[in-house]
């Protein structure tokens, strides 16, 4: 195994051992116990993604989306999963940014 492969393997181990990943994994496992709720979360995430990617991100559409899902997001399972997922995504983005900057990738 090459030096780079070893480093990637250690990075993966460090990610899997991080508190942020362990919390995300625990919340994901909790949500997966409720297939209907998981489907609703997936639909929320899909709609949120499409809204963010839309060229027509009118404030009214965003406000309507937030109102539509306000009660849903108050569900403890939902809110804790989404918070853990967000923290994990931010950690992965930060890792990617650090690597990209370190190698002067343009």
N, C-alpha and C. Protein backbone atom coordinates (compact mmCIF):
# COMPACT_ATOMS: atom_id res chain seq x y z
N UNK A 1 0.85 -1.18 0.00
CA UNK A 1 0.00 0.00 0.00
C UNK A 1 0.89 1.24 0.00
N UNK A 2 0.51 2.23 -0.80
CA UNK A 2 1.33 3.43 -0.93
C UNK A 2 1.17 4.34 0.29
N UNK A 3 2.08 5.29 0.40
CA UNK A 3 2.04 6.26 1.49
C UNK A 3 0.72 7.04 1.45
N UNK A 4 0.27 7.41 0.26
CA UNK A 4 -0.98 8.15 0.12
C UNK A 4 -2.17 7.29 0.54
N UNK A 5 -2.18 6.03 0.12
CA UNK A 5 -3.26 5.12 0.53
C UNK A 5 -3.32 4.99 2.05
N UNK A 6 -2.16 4.89 2.68
CA UNK A 6 -2.11 4.80 4.14
C UNK A 6 -2.66 6.07 4.79
N UNK A 7 -2.30 7.21 4.23
CA UNK A 7 -2.78 8.48 4.78
C UNK A 7 -4.29 8.60 4.62
N UNK A 8 -4.81 8.19 3.48
CA UNK A 8 -6.26 8.24 3.26
C UNK A 8 -6.96 7.29 4.23
N UNK A 9 -6.40 6.12 4.41
CA UNK A 9 -6.98 5.17 5.36
C UNK A 9 -7.01 5.75 6.77
N UNK A 10 -5.93 6.42 7.19
CA UNK A 10 -5.89 7.05 8.52
C UNK A 10 -6.90 8.20 8.61
N UNK A 11 -7.05 8.95 7.53
CA UNK A 11 -8.04 10.03 7.52
C UNK A 11 -9.44 9.47 7.69
N UNK A 12 -9.74 8.41 6.97
CA UNK A 12 -11.06 7.77 7.09
C UNK A 12 -11.28 7.29 8.52
N UNK A 13 -10.28 6.66 9.10
CA UNK A 13 -10.40 6.19 10.48
C UNK A 13 -10.64 7.36 11.43
N UNK A 14 -9.93 8.48 11.20
CA UNK A 14 -10.10 9.66 12.06
C UNK A 14 -11.51 10.24 11.90
N UNK A 15 -12.02 10.26 10.68
CA UNK A 15 -13.38 10.75 10.45
C UNK A 15 -14.38 9.85 11.18
N UNK A 16 -14.25 8.55 10.99
CA UNK A 16 -15.17 7.60 11.62
C UNK A 16 -15.09 7.64 13.14
N UNK A 17 -13.94 8.03 13.67
CA UNK A 17 -13.75 8.09 15.11
C UNK A 17 -14.12 9.45 15.71
N UNK A 18 -14.42 10.42 14.84
CA UNK A 18 -14.73 11.77 15.34
C UNK A 18 -16.10 11.80 16.01
N UNK A 19 -16.23 12.68 16.99
CA UNK A 19 -17.50 12.85 17.69
C UNK A 19 -18.60 13.29 16.71
N UNK A 20 -18.25 14.13 15.76
CA UNK A 20 -19.24 14.62 14.80
C UNK A 20 -19.78 13.46 13.97
N UNK A 21 -18.90 12.60 13.47
CA UNK A 21 -19.38 11.46 12.69
C UNK A 21 -20.17 10.50 13.55
N UNK A 22 -19.70 10.22 14.76
CA UNK A 22 -20.41 9.26 15.63
C UNK A 22 -21.82 9.77 15.95
N UNK A 23 -21.96 11.07 16.15
CA UNK A 23 -23.28 11.65 16.41
C UNK A 23 -24.16 11.54 15.17
N UNK A 24 -23.61 11.85 14.01
CA UNK A 24 -24.37 11.71 12.76
C UNK A 24 -24.81 10.27 12.55
N UNK A 25 -23.91 9.34 12.76
CA UNK A 25 -24.22 7.92 12.56
C UNK A 25 -25.31 7.46 13.53
N UNK A 26 -25.22 7.91 14.78
CA UNK A 26 -26.24 7.55 15.77
C UNK A 26 -27.60 8.10 15.38
N UNK A 27 -27.63 9.36 14.95
CA UNK A 27 -28.89 9.97 14.55
C UNK A 27 -29.45 9.31 13.28
N UNK A 28 -28.58 8.99 12.36
CA UNK A 28 -29.01 8.30 11.12
C UNK A 28 -29.62 6.95 11.47
N UNK A 29 -28.99 6.22 12.36
CA UNK A 29 -29.52 4.91 12.77
C UNK A 29 -30.87 5.05 13.47
N UNK A 30 -31.02 6.08 14.29
CA UNK A 30 -32.32 6.33 14.95
C UNK A 30 -33.41 6.58 13.91
N UNK A 31 -33.13 7.46 12.97
CA UNK A 31 -34.12 7.83 11.95
C UNK A 31 -34.45 6.62 11.06
N UNK A 32 -33.46 5.82 10.76
CA UNK A 32 -33.69 4.66 9.89
C UNK A 32 -34.64 3.63 10.51
N UNK A 33 -34.88 3.73 11.80
CA UNK A 33 -35.83 2.84 12.46
C UNK A 33 -37.27 3.20 12.13
N UNK A 34 -37.48 4.36 11.51
CA UNK A 34 -38.81 4.85 11.17
C UNK A 34 -38.86 5.16 9.67
N UNK A 35 -39.12 4.14 8.84
CA UNK A 35 -39.05 4.32 7.39
C UNK A 35 -39.92 5.46 6.85
N UNK A 36 -41.11 5.64 7.41
CA UNK A 36 -41.97 6.73 6.93
C UNK A 36 -41.35 8.09 7.25
N UNK A 37 -40.81 8.22 8.45
CA UNK A 37 -40.16 9.47 8.83
C UNK A 37 -38.93 9.70 7.97
N UNK A 38 -38.17 8.64 7.73
CA UNK A 38 -36.97 8.75 6.87
C UNK A 38 -37.36 9.23 5.49
N UNK A 39 -38.45 8.73 4.94
CA UNK A 39 -38.92 9.16 3.62
C UNK A 39 -39.31 10.64 3.65
N UNK A 40 -39.94 11.07 4.73
CA UNK A 40 -40.31 12.49 4.85
C UNK A 40 -39.07 13.37 4.95
N UNK A 41 -38.08 12.92 5.68
CA UNK A 41 -36.82 13.67 5.78
C UNK A 41 -36.16 13.75 4.42
N UNK A 42 -36.14 12.63 3.70
CA UNK A 42 -35.54 12.63 2.36
C UNK A 42 -36.26 13.59 1.43
N UNK A 43 -37.58 13.63 1.52
CA UNK A 43 -38.36 14.56 0.69
C UNK A 43 -38.05 16.00 1.09
N UNK A 44 -37.96 16.28 2.38
CA UNK A 44 -37.60 17.62 2.85
C UNK A 44 -36.23 18.02 2.29
N UNK A 45 -35.26 17.12 2.40
CA UNK A 45 -33.91 17.41 1.94
C UNK A 45 -33.88 17.64 0.43
N UNK A 46 -34.64 16.83 -0.30
CA UNK A 46 -34.71 16.98 -1.76
C UNK A 46 -35.30 18.34 -2.13
N UNK A 47 -36.42 18.68 -1.51
CA UNK A 47 -37.07 19.96 -1.81
C UNK A 47 -36.19 21.14 -1.41
N UNK A 48 -35.53 21.02 -0.27
CA UNK A 48 -34.62 22.07 0.19
C UNK A 48 -33.47 22.25 -0.80
N UNK A 49 -32.90 21.16 -1.25
CA UNK A 49 -31.80 21.21 -2.22
C UNK A 49 -32.26 21.88 -3.51
N UNK A 50 -33.41 21.46 -4.03
CA UNK A 50 -33.92 22.03 -5.28
C UNK A 50 -34.22 23.52 -5.12
N UNK A 51 -34.75 23.90 -3.97
CA UNK A 51 -35.05 25.30 -3.72
C UNK A 51 -33.76 26.12 -3.69
N UNK A 52 -32.74 25.60 -3.05
CA UNK A 52 -31.47 26.31 -2.97
C UNK A 52 -30.79 26.42 -4.33
N UNK A 53 -30.97 25.41 -5.16
CA UNK A 53 -30.33 25.38 -6.49
C UNK A 53 -31.13 26.13 -7.55
N UNK A 54 -32.35 26.47 -7.23
CA UNK A 54 -33.22 27.13 -8.19
C UNK A 54 -32.72 28.54 -8.49
N UNK A 55 -32.84 28.93 -9.74
CA UNK A 55 -32.49 30.29 -10.11
C UNK A 55 -33.53 31.27 -9.60
N UNK A 56 -34.73 30.75 -9.36
CA UNK A 56 -35.82 31.58 -8.86
C UNK A 56 -36.00 31.35 -7.37
N UNK A 57 -35.05 31.80 -6.57
CA UNK A 57 -35.12 31.61 -5.12
C UNK A 57 -35.81 32.79 -4.46
N UNK A 58 -36.96 33.09 -4.89
CA UNK A 58 -37.71 34.21 -4.32
C UNK A 58 -37.90 34.00 -2.82
N UNK A 59 -37.80 35.11 -2.10
CA UNK A 59 -37.95 35.08 -0.65
C UNK A 59 -39.27 34.41 -0.26
N UNK A 60 -40.32 34.68 -1.03
CA UNK A 60 -41.64 34.13 -0.73
C UNK A 60 -41.63 32.60 -0.79
N UNK A 61 -40.93 32.05 -1.75
CA UNK A 61 -40.85 30.58 -1.87
C UNK A 61 -40.11 29.98 -0.68
N UNK A 62 -39.06 30.62 -0.29
CA UNK A 62 -38.28 30.13 0.86
C UNK A 62 -39.12 30.22 2.13
N UNK A 63 -39.78 31.34 2.29
CA UNK A 63 -40.64 31.53 3.47
C UNK A 63 -41.76 30.50 3.51
N UNK A 64 -42.38 30.23 2.36
CA UNK A 64 -43.46 29.24 2.28
C UNK A 64 -42.93 27.85 2.64
N UNK A 65 -41.76 27.51 2.12
CA UNK A 65 -41.13 26.22 2.41
C UNK A 65 -40.88 26.09 3.92
N UNK A 66 -40.34 27.12 4.53
CA UNK A 66 -40.05 27.09 5.96
C UNK A 66 -41.33 26.94 6.78
N UNK A 67 -42.39 27.64 6.38
CA UNK A 67 -43.67 27.52 7.08
C UNK A 67 -44.24 26.11 6.93
N UNK A 68 -44.15 25.58 5.72
CA UNK A 68 -44.70 24.25 5.43
C UNK A 68 -44.04 23.18 6.31
N UNK A 69 -42.75 23.33 6.57
CA UNK A 69 -42.00 22.32 7.30
C UNK A 69 -41.71 22.69 8.76
N UNK A 70 -42.25 23.79 9.24
CA UNK A 70 -41.95 24.24 10.61
C UNK A 70 -42.32 23.18 11.64
N UNK A 71 -43.54 22.66 11.58
CA UNK A 71 -43.96 21.64 12.55
C UNK A 71 -43.13 20.37 12.41
N UNK A 72 -42.85 19.98 11.19
CA UNK A 72 -42.06 18.79 10.90
C UNK A 72 -40.68 18.90 11.55
N UNK A 73 -40.06 20.06 11.44
CA UNK A 73 -38.71 20.26 11.98
C UNK A 73 -38.70 20.35 13.50
N UNK A 74 -39.86 20.52 14.12
CA UNK A 74 -39.92 20.53 15.58
C UNK A 74 -39.85 19.13 16.17
N UNK A 75 -40.07 18.12 15.34
CA UNK A 75 -39.93 16.73 15.77
C UNK A 75 -38.47 16.53 16.19
N UNK A 76 -38.27 16.07 17.41
CA UNK A 76 -36.91 15.92 17.95
C UNK A 76 -36.04 15.02 17.08
N UNK A 77 -36.58 13.91 16.61
CA UNK A 77 -35.80 13.02 15.75
C UNK A 77 -35.33 13.75 14.49
N UNK A 78 -36.23 14.51 13.91
CA UNK A 78 -35.91 15.24 12.68
C UNK A 78 -34.86 16.31 12.95
N UNK A 79 -35.11 17.14 13.95
CA UNK A 79 -34.20 18.25 14.21
C UNK A 79 -32.81 17.77 14.61
N UNK A 80 -32.75 16.72 15.42
CA UNK A 80 -31.44 16.21 15.84
C UNK A 80 -30.70 15.56 14.68
N UNK A 81 -31.43 14.84 13.82
CA UNK A 81 -30.78 14.26 12.65
C UNK A 81 -30.25 15.34 11.72
N UNK A 82 -31.09 16.33 11.42
CA UNK A 82 -30.67 17.39 10.49
C UNK A 82 -29.49 18.18 11.05
N UNK A 83 -29.47 18.43 12.34
CA UNK A 83 -28.35 19.14 12.96
C UNK A 83 -27.06 18.31 12.87
N UNK A 84 -27.18 17.02 13.14
CA UNK A 84 -26.00 16.13 13.07
C UNK A 84 -25.51 16.01 11.63
N UNK A 85 -26.45 15.92 10.69
CA UNK A 85 -26.06 15.83 9.28
C UNK A 85 -25.36 17.10 8.84
N UNK A 86 -25.88 18.25 9.24
CA UNK A 86 -25.27 19.53 8.88
C UNK A 86 -23.86 19.63 9.45
N UNK A 87 -23.68 19.26 10.70
CA UNK A 87 -22.35 19.30 11.32
C UNK A 87 -21.38 18.38 10.58
N UNK A 88 -21.84 17.19 10.20
CA UNK A 88 -20.99 16.26 9.48
C UNK A 88 -20.63 16.82 8.09
N UNK A 89 -21.61 17.37 7.40
CA UNK A 89 -21.35 17.96 6.07
C UNK A 89 -20.34 19.10 6.17
N UNK A 90 -20.50 19.93 7.19
CA UNK A 90 -19.56 21.05 7.36
C UNK A 90 -18.16 20.54 7.66
N UNK A 91 -18.04 19.48 8.45
CA UNK A 91 -16.74 18.90 8.74
C UNK A 91 -16.09 18.39 7.45
N UNK A 92 -16.87 17.69 6.63
CA UNK A 92 -16.34 17.15 5.38
C UNK A 92 -15.96 18.27 4.41
N UNK A 93 -16.75 19.33 4.37
CA UNK A 93 -16.42 20.47 3.52
C UNK A 93 -15.12 21.12 3.99
N UNK A 94 -14.96 21.23 5.30
CA UNK A 94 -13.75 21.83 5.85
C UNK A 94 -12.52 20.99 5.50
N UNK A 95 -12.65 19.68 5.61
CA UNK A 95 -11.53 18.80 5.25
C UNK A 95 -11.18 18.99 3.79
N UNK A 96 -12.20 18.99 2.95
CA UNK A 96 -11.97 19.17 1.51
C UNK A 96 -11.30 20.52 1.23
N UNK A 97 -11.78 21.57 1.87
CA UNK A 97 -11.21 22.90 1.67
C UNK A 97 -9.75 22.93 2.11
N UNK A 98 -9.44 22.33 3.26
CA UNK A 98 -8.06 22.32 3.75
C UNK A 98 -7.12 21.60 2.78
N UNK A 99 -7.57 20.46 2.27
CA UNK A 99 -6.75 19.69 1.33
C UNK A 99 -6.57 20.48 0.03
N UNK A 100 -7.66 21.02 -0.48
CA UNK A 100 -7.61 21.77 -1.73
C UNK A 100 -6.69 22.98 -1.63
N UNK A 101 -6.79 23.71 -0.52
CA UNK A 101 -5.92 24.87 -0.33
C UNK A 101 -4.47 24.46 -0.16
N UNK A 102 -4.21 23.37 0.55
CA UNK A 102 -2.84 22.94 0.82
C UNK A 102 -2.10 22.53 -0.44
N UNK A 103 -2.83 22.01 -1.41
CA UNK A 103 -2.18 21.57 -2.66
C UNK A 103 -2.27 22.64 -3.76
N UNK A 104 -2.77 23.81 -3.37
CA UNK A 104 -2.88 24.95 -4.29
C UNK A 104 -3.67 24.60 -5.55
N UNK A 105 -4.75 23.89 -5.35
CA UNK A 105 -5.63 23.49 -6.46
C UNK A 105 -6.48 24.67 -6.88
N UNK A 106 -6.45 24.96 -8.17
CA UNK A 106 -7.22 26.10 -8.69
C UNK A 106 -8.35 25.61 -9.57
